[in-house]
Amino acid sequence: MNAPYELAGLTLHVFEQDGGWNWGLTIERLRGTGEKVVAYSDALFESEAQAHEDGVRAYDAARFDVECV
């Protein structure tokens, strides 16, 4: 799993699972330890690059929502 993008605790993860590539966005938990999944890909991607590209799109949209608050 890699996490090349981070913003105020928001992290993009790209990983291989069930024969395809996925992405997930997590944030740090306010209480306790660990991270909470706040968004993830429903579809499997054929390559890591495709999953990463779609994950960056979702990350940027989430970042825009956070900056507009």
PDB file of N, CA and C in Angstrom:
ATOM      1  N   MET A   1       0.857  -1.171   0.000  1.00  0.00           N
ATOM      2  CA  MET A   1       0.000   0.000   0.000  1.00  0.00           C
ATOM      3  C   MET A   1       0.897   1.226   0.000  1.00  0.00           C
ATOM      4  N   ASN A   2       0.559   2.210  -0.812  1.00  0.00           N
ATOM      5  CA  ASN A   2       1.338   3.437  -0.769  1.00  0.00           C
ATOM      6  C   ASN A   2       0.423   4.616  -0.500  1.00  0.00           C
ATOM      7  N   ALA A   3       0.995   5.670   0.024  1.00  0.00           N
ATOM      8  CA  ALA A   3       0.225   6.857   0.370  1.00  0.00           C
ATOM      9  C   ALA A   3       0.983   8.098  -0.085  1.00  0.00           C
ATOM     10  N   PRO A   4       0.978   8.384  -1.393  1.00  0.00           N
ATOM     11  CA  PRO A   4       1.757   9.503  -1.886  1.00  0.00           C
ATOM     12  C   PRO A   4       1.131  10.860  -1.643  1.00  0.00           C
ATOM     13  N   TYR A   5      -0.152  10.915  -1.366  1.00  0.00           N
ATOM     14  CA  TYR A   5      -0.828  12.188  -1.168  1.00  0.00           C
ATOM     15  C   TYR A   5      -1.365  12.268   0.254  1.00  0.00           C
ATOM     16  N   GLU A   6      -1.119  13.399   0.914  1.00  0.00           N
ATOM     17  CA  GLU A   6      -1.662  13.622   2.244  1.00  0.00           C
ATOM     18  C   GLU A   6      -2.059  15.076   2.394  1.00  0.00           C
ATOM     19  N   LEU A   7      -3.206  15.352   3.008  1.00  0.00           N
ATOM     20  CA  LEU A   7      -3.667  16.701   3.283  1.00  0.00           C
ATOM     21  C   LEU A   7      -4.430  16.682   4.593  1.00  0.00           C
ATOM     22  N   ALA A   8      -3.921  17.362   5.594  1.00  0.00           N
ATOM     23  CA  ALA A   8      -4.610  17.482   6.880  1.00  0.00           C
ATOM     24  C   ALA A   8      -5.163  16.139   7.350  1.00  0.00           C
ATOM     25  N   GLY A   9      -4.339  15.116   7.273  1.00  0.00           N
ATOM     26  CA  GLY A   9      -4.760  13.808   7.721  1.00  0.00           C
ATOM     27  C   GLY A   9      -5.483  12.983   6.668  1.00  0.00           C
ATOM     28  N   LEU A  10      -5.816  13.583   5.513  1.00  0.00           N
ATOM     29  CA  LEU A  10      -6.445  12.845   4.429  1.00  0.00           C
ATOM     30  C   LEU A  10      -5.353  12.172   3.614  1.00  0.00           C
ATOM     31  N   THR A  11      -5.451  10.859   3.450  1.00  0.00           N
ATOM     32  CA  THR A  11      -4.404  10.098   2.777  1.00  0.00           C
ATOM     33  C   THR A  11      -5.006   9.213   1.695  1.00  0.00           C
ATOM     34  N   LEU A  12      -4.360   9.189   0.531  1.00  0.00           N
ATOM     35  CA  LEU A  12      -4.753   8.301  -0.557  1.00  0.00           C
ATOM     36  C   LEU A  12      -3.911   7.039  -0.495  1.00  0.00           C
ATOM     37  N   HIS A  13      -4.579   5.890  -0.515  1.00  0.00           N
ATOM     38  CA  HIS A  13      -3.912   4.588  -0.542  1.00  0.00           C
ATOM     39  C   HIS A  13      -4.301   3.881  -1.835  1.00  0.00           C
ATOM     40  N   VAL A  14      -3.343   3.286  -2.527  1.00  0.00           N
ATOM     41  CA  VAL A  14      -3.597   2.480  -3.714  1.00  0.00           C
ATOM     42  C   VAL A  14      -3.075   1.082  -3.411  1.00  0.00           C
ATOM     43  N   PHE A  15      -3.905   0.068  -3.643  1.00  0.00           N
ATOM     44  CA  PHE A  15      -3.525  -1.291  -3.254  1.00  0.00           C
ATOM     45  C   PHE A  15      -4.155  -2.312  -4.173  1.00  0.00           C
ATOM     46  N   GLU A  16      -3.551  -3.503  -4.215  1.00  0.00           N
ATOM     47  CA  GLU A  16      -4.052  -4.611  -5.014  1.00  0.00           C
ATOM     48  C   GLU A  16      -4.847  -5.548  -4.115  1.00  0.00           C
ATOM     49  N   GLN A  17      -6.027  -5.939  -4.611  1.00  0.00           N
ATOM     50  CA  GLN A  17      -6.883  -6.825  -3.829  1.00  0.00           C
ATOM     51  C   GLN A  17      -7.868  -7.510  -4.762  1.00  0.00           C
ATOM     52  N   ASP A  18      -8.141  -8.775  -4.524  1.00  0.00           N
ATOM     53  CA  ASP A  18      -9.139  -9.533  -5.303  1.00  0.00           C
ATOM     54  C   ASP A  18      -8.888  -9.479  -6.807  1.00  0.00           C
ATOM     55  N   GLY A  19      -7.628  -9.518  -7.210  1.00  0.00           N
ATOM     56  CA  GLY A  19      -7.292  -9.577  -8.622  1.00  0.00           C
ATOM     57  C   GLY A  19      -7.346  -8.257  -9.363  1.00  0.00           C
ATOM     58  N   GLY A  20      -7.450  -7.159  -8.654  1.00  0.00           N
ATOM     59  CA  GLY A  20      -7.489  -5.844  -9.296  1.00  0.00           C
ATOM     60  C   GLY A  20      -6.922  -4.792  -8.369  1.00  0.00           C
ATOM     61  N   TRP A  21      -6.880  -3.572  -8.847  1.00  0.00           N
ATOM     62  CA  TRP A  21      -6.340  -2.452  -8.074  1.00  0.00           C
ATOM     63  C   TRP A  21      -7.473  -1.573  -7.570  1.00  0.00           C
ATOM     64  N   ASN A  22      -7.303  -1.048  -6.373  1.00  0.00           N
ATOM     65  CA  ASN A  22      -8.290  -0.209  -5.704  1.00  0.00           C
ATOM     66  C   ASN A  22      -7.604   1.016  -5.112  1.00  0.00           C
ATOM     67  N   TRP A  23      -8.404   1.983  -4.732  1.00  0.00           N
ATOM     68  CA  TRP A  23      -7.893   3.107  -3.965  1.00  0.00           C
ATOM     69  C   TRP A  23      -8.827   3.339  -2.787  1.00  0.00           C
ATOM     70  N   GLY A  24      -8.296   3.975  -1.757  1.00  0.00           N
ATOM     71  CA  GLY A  24      -9.087   4.358  -0.599  1.00  0.00           C
ATOM     72  C   GLY A  24      -8.561   5.652  -0.023  1.00  0.00           C
ATOM     73  N   LEU A  25      -9.454   6.446   0.553  1.00  0.00           N
ATOM     74  CA  LEU A  25      -9.072   7.668   1.251  1.00  0.00           C
ATOM     75  C   LEU A  25      -9.325   7.458   2.732  1.00  0.00           C
ATOM     76  N   THR A  26      -8.361   7.808   3.547  1.00  0.00           N
ATOM     77  CA  THR A  26      -8.514   7.680   4.987  1.00  0.00           C
ATOM     78  C   THR A  26      -8.200   9.013   5.655  1.00  0.00           C
ATOM     79  N   ILE A  27      -8.722   9.169   6.866  1.00  0.00           N
ATOM     80  CA  ILE A  27      -8.359  10.301   7.721  1.00  0.00           C
ATOM     81  C   ILE A  27      -7.925   9.746   9.064  1.00  0.00           C
ATOM     82  N   GLU A  28      -7.137  10.522   9.770  1.00  0.00           N
ATOM     83  CA  GLU A  28      -6.723  10.121  11.109  1.00  0.00           C
ATOM     84  C   GLU A  28      -7.930  10.224  12.032  1.00  0.00           C
ATOM     85  N   ARG A  29      -8.066   9.253  12.910  1.00  0.00           N
ATOM     86  CA  ARG A  29      -9.164   9.284  13.883  1.00  0.00           C
ATOM     87  C   ARG A  29      -8.901  10.378  14.909  1.00  0.00           C
ATOM     88  N   LEU A  30      -9.960  11.095  15.282  1.00  0.00           N
ATOM     89  CA  LEU A  30      -9.812  12.160  16.276  1.00  0.00           C
ATOM     90  C   LEU A  30      -9.558  11.584  17.658  1.00  0.00           C
ATOM     91  N   ARG A  31     -10.208  10.469  17.937  1.00  0.00           N
ATOM     92  CA  ARG A  31     -10.023   9.800  19.230  1.00  0.00           C
ATOM     93  C   ARG A  31      -9.535   8.385  18.946  1.00  0.00           C
ATOM     94  N   GLY A  32      -8.688   7.906  19.795  1.00  0.00           N
ATOM     95  CA  GLY A  32      -8.166   6.559  19.605  1.00  0.00           C
ATOM     96  C   GLY A  32      -6.992   6.561  18.657  1.00  0.00           C
ATOM     97  N   THR A  33      -6.772   5.421  18.038  1.00  0.00           N
ATOM     98  CA  THR A  33      -5.629   5.296  17.138  1.00  0.00           C
ATOM     99  C   THR A  33      -6.082   4.800  15.775  1.00  0.00           C
ATOM    100  N   GLY A  34      -5.221   4.959  14.816  1.00  0.00           N
ATOM    101  CA  GLY A  34      -5.494   4.437  13.489  1.00  0.00           C
ATOM    102  C   GLY A  34      -6.167   5.439  12.584  1.00  0.00           C
ATOM    103  N   GLU A  35      -6.680   4.901  11.487  1.00  0.00           N
ATOM    104  CA  GLU A  35      -7.306   5.734  10.472  1.00  0.00           C
ATOM    105  C   GLU A  35      -8.709   5.227  10.167  1.00  0.00           C
ATOM    106  N   LYS A  36      -9.535   6.114   9.640  1.00  0.00           N
ATOM    107  CA  LYS A  36     -10.900   5.777   9.263  1.00  0.00           C
ATOM    108  C   LYS A  36     -11.028   5.920   7.752  1.00  0.00           C
ATOM    109  N   VAL A  37     -11.598   4.918   7.087  1.00  0.00           N
ATOM    110  CA  VAL A  37     -11.833   4.983   5.649  1.00  0.00           C
ATOM    111  C   VAL A  37     -13.021   5.914   5.412  1.00  0.00           C
ATOM    112  N   VAL A  38     -12.829   6.924   4.554  1.00  0.00           N
ATOM    113  CA  VAL A  38     -13.897   7.870   4.259  1.00  0.00           C
ATOM    114  C   VAL A  38     -14.392   7.759   2.818  1.00  0.00           C
ATOM    115  N   ALA A  39     -13.624   7.110   1.946  1.00  0.00           N
ATOM    116  CA  ALA A  39     -14.038   6.880   0.557  1.00  0.00           C
ATOM    117  C   ALA A  39     -13.187   5.756  -0.015  1.00  0.00           C
ATOM    118  N   TYR A  40     -13.748   5.040  -0.986  1.00  0.00           N
ATOM    119  CA  TYR A  40     -12.997   3.961  -1.617  1.00  0.00           C
ATOM    120  C   TYR A  40     -13.592   3.687  -3.004  1.00  0.00           C
ATOM    121  N   SER A  41     -12.823   3.011  -3.818  1.00  0.00           N
ATOM    122  CA  SER A  41     -13.286   2.674  -5.165  1.00  0.00           C
ATOM    123  C   SER A  41     -14.189   1.452  -5.106  1.00  0.00           C
ATOM    124  N   ASP A  42     -15.286   1.519  -5.839  1.00  0.00           N
ATOM    125  CA  ASP A  42     -16.189   0.367  -5.953  1.00  0.00           C
ATOM    126  C   ASP A  42     -15.701  -0.587  -7.036  1.00  0.00           C
ATOM    127  N   ALA A  43     -15.166  -0.019  -8.103  1.00  0.00           N
ATOM    128  CA  ALA A  43     -14.721  -0.815  -9.246  1.00  0.00           C
ATOM    129  C   ALA A  43     -13.270  -1.242  -9.075  1.00  0.00           C
ATOM    130  N   LEU A  44     -12.943  -2.395  -9.653  1.00  0.00           N
ATOM    131  CA  LEU A  44     -11.549  -2.829  -9.704  1.00  0.00           C
ATOM    132  C   LEU A  44     -10.907  -2.234 -10.950  1.00  0.00           C
ATOM    133  N   PHE A  45      -9.675  -1.777 -10.828  1.00  0.00           N
ATOM    134  CA  PHE A  45      -8.934  -1.238 -11.953  1.00  0.00           C
ATOM    135  C   PHE A  45      -7.926  -2.275 -12.420  1.00  0.00           C
ATOM    136  N   GLU A  46      -7.636  -2.271 -13.715  1.00  0.00           N
ATOM    137  CA  GLU A  46      -6.711  -3.249 -14.285  1.00  0.00           C
ATOM    138  C   GLU A  46      -5.267  -2.977 -13.910  1.00  0.00           C
ATOM    139  N   SER A  47      -4.942  -1.715 -13.637  1.00  0.00           N
ATOM    140  CA  SER A  47      -3.558  -1.388 -13.308  1.00  0.00           C
ATOM    141  C   SER A  47      -3.492  -0.449 -12.114  1.00  0.00           C
ATOM    142  N   GLU A  48      -2.328  -0.440 -11.494  1.00  0.00           N
ATOM    143  CA  GLU A  48      -2.086   0.470 -10.378  1.00  0.00           C
ATOM    144  C   GLU A  48      -2.209   1.917 -10.843  1.00  0.00           C
ATOM    145  N   ALA A  49      -1.718   2.194 -12.058  1.00  0.00           N
ATOM    146  CA  ALA A  49      -1.761   3.561 -12.591  1.00  0.00           C
ATOM    147  C   ALA A  49      -3.199   4.053 -12.754  1.00  0.00           C
ATOM    148  N   GLN A  50      -4.086   3.188 -13.232  1.00  0.00           N
ATOM    149  CA  GLN A  50      -5.490   3.575 -13.399  1.00  0.00           C
ATOM    150  C   GLN A  50      -6.138   3.855 -12.045  1.00  0.00           C
ATOM    151  N   ALA A  51      -5.862   2.994 -11.074  1.00  0.00           N
ATOM    152  CA  ALA A  51      -6.418   3.192  -9.734  1.00  0.00           C
ATOM    153  C   ALA A  51      -5.871   4.477  -9.116  1.00  0.00           C
ATOM    154  N   HIS A  52      -4.591   4.713  -9.318  1.00  0.00           N
ATOM    155  CA  HIS A  52      -3.969   5.924  -8.770  1.00  0.00           C
ATOM    156  C   HIS A  52      -4.580   7.176  -9.393  1.00  0.00           C
ATOM    157  N   GLU A  53      -4.754   7.160 -10.705  1.00  0.00           N
ATOM    158  CA  GLU A  53      -5.331   8.320 -11.403  1.00  0.00           C
ATOM    159  C   GLU A  53      -6.733   8.625 -10.894  1.00  0.00           C
ATOM    160  N   ASP A  54      -7.565   7.601 -10.750  1.00  0.00           N
ATOM    161  CA  ASP A  54      -8.920   7.811 -10.253  1.00  0.00           C
ATOM    162  C   ASP A  54      -8.902   8.219  -8.781  1.00  0.00           C
ATOM    163  N   GLY A  55      -7.988   7.649  -8.014  1.00  0.00           N
ATOM    164  CA  GLY A  55      -7.864   8.020  -6.603  1.00  0.00           C
ATOM    165  C   GLY A  55      -7.447   9.467  -6.429  1.00  0.00           C
ATOM    166  N   VAL A  56      -6.549   9.947  -7.281  1.00  0.00           N
ATOM    167  CA  VAL A  56      -6.127  11.353  -7.226  1.00  0.00           C
ATOM    168  C   VAL A  56      -7.315  12.261  -7.538  1.00  0.00           C
ATOM    169  N   ARG A  57      -8.147  11.852  -8.495  1.00  0.00           N
ATOM    170  CA  ARG A  57      -9.352  12.630  -8.814  1.00  0.00           C
ATOM    171  C   ARG A  57     -10.248  12.745  -7.576  1.00  0.00           C
ATOM    172  N   ALA A  58     -10.465  11.636  -6.893  1.00  0.00           N
ATOM    173  CA  ALA A  58     -11.295  11.639  -5.687  1.00  0.00           C
ATOM    174  C   ALA A  58     -10.637  12.439  -4.565  1.00  0.00           C
ATOM    175  N   TYR A  59      -9.327  12.301  -4.436  1.00  0.00           N
ATOM    176  CA  TYR A  59      -8.583  13.042  -3.422  1.00  0.00           C
ATOM    177  C   TYR A  59      -8.711  14.540  -3.663  1.00  0.00           C
ATOM    178  N   ASP A  60      -8.520  14.964  -4.912  1.00  0.00           N
ATOM    179  CA  ASP A  60      -8.621  16.389  -5.244  1.00  0.00           C
ATOM    180  C   ASP A  60     -10.025  16.920  -4.974  1.00  0.00           C
ATOM    181  N   ALA A  61     -11.052  16.123  -5.278  1.00  0.00           N
ATOM    182  CA  ALA A  61     -12.427  16.540  -5.000  1.00  0.00           C
ATOM    183  C   ALA A  61     -12.649  16.679  -3.499  1.00  0.00           C
ATOM    184  N   ALA A  62     -12.124  15.740  -2.728  1.00  0.00           N
ATOM    185  CA  ALA A  62     -12.258  15.812  -1.268  1.00  0.00           C
ATOM    186  C   ALA A  62     -11.487  17.016  -0.721  1.00  0.00           C
ATOM    187  N   ARG A  63     -10.316  17.266  -1.262  1.00  0.00           N
ATOM    188  CA  ARG A  63      -9.510  18.404  -0.818  1.00  0.00           C
ATOM    189  C   ARG A  63     -10.252  19.707  -1.120  1.00  0.00           C
ATOM    190  N   PHE A  64     -10.879  19.811  -2.293  1.00  0.00           N
ATOM    191  CA  PHE A  64     -11.648  20.998  -2.649  1.00  0.00           C
ATOM    192  C   PHE A  64     -12.778  21.198  -1.663  1.00  0.00           C
ATOM    193  N   ASP A  65     -13.484  20.107  -1.300  1.00  0.00           N
ATOM    194  CA  ASP A  65     -14.588  20.204  -0.338  1.00  0.00           C
ATOM    195  C   ASP A  65     -14.090  20.704   1.008  1.00  0.00           C
ATOM    196  N   VAL A  66     -12.926  20.231   1.454  1.00  0.00           N
ATOM    197  CA  VAL A  66     -12.367  20.637   2.747  1.00  0.00           C
ATOM    198  C   VAL A  66     -11.955  22.112   2.713  1.00  0.00           C
ATOM    199  N   GLU A  67     -11.334  22.554   1.623  1.00  0.00           N
ATOM    200  CA  GLU A  67     -10.866  23.922   1.521  1.00  0.00           C
ATOM    201  C   GLU A  67     -12.023  24.912   1.418  1.00  0.00           C
ATOM    202  N   CYS A  68     -13.180  24.467   0.942  1.00  0.00           N
ATOM    203  CA  CYS A  68     -14.320  25.360   0.777  1.00  0.00           C
ATOM    204  C   CYS A  68     -15.155  25.489   2.051  1.00  0.00           C
ATOM    205  N   VAL A  69     -14.827  24.735   3.073  1.00  0.00           N
ATOM    206  CA  VAL A  69     -15.604  24.771   4.318  1.00  0.00           C
ATOM    207  C   VAL A  69     -15.164  25.937   5.148  1.00  0.00           C
TER     208      VAL A  69
END
